[in-house]
Amino acid sequence: MRVIYSVLKEINEKRFVPEGADYGLKDIEFEGLIRFLENEKAIERVLRMHDQLFLKPARLTKIGLALLEEYKEYEKIYPERGQLKDWVQVDKILYSNDAEDE
């Protein structure tokens, strides 16, 4: 949930445009996450050109804002951009069920 919280937070606050590399995600994994957030109607106005996503014009919907509010406890421990990859790894470790990376 940390990576979703972070993507929503950064889209909402416009401090920087989040990228997969910020979270240690491959491009295809990050694109899947963005597609998921769109399908869940948490974000809108994601621009697509050819094979690229552009999140600069994206914005949160009421559902996205509600998700931010639901997970606002993360705000107290939210790191700077350079530490996001390590921060989201906590969820990966907690929810991986000892699965190995491919």
Foldseek 3Di string as FASTA:
>chain_A
DLVLLVCQVCLAVVPDHDALVLAVHDRVVVVVVVVVCVVVQQKDDWDDDDHDTDSNVMHGDPNVVVVNVVPVVCVVVDDPSNCNNVVCVVVCVVPVPPDDDD
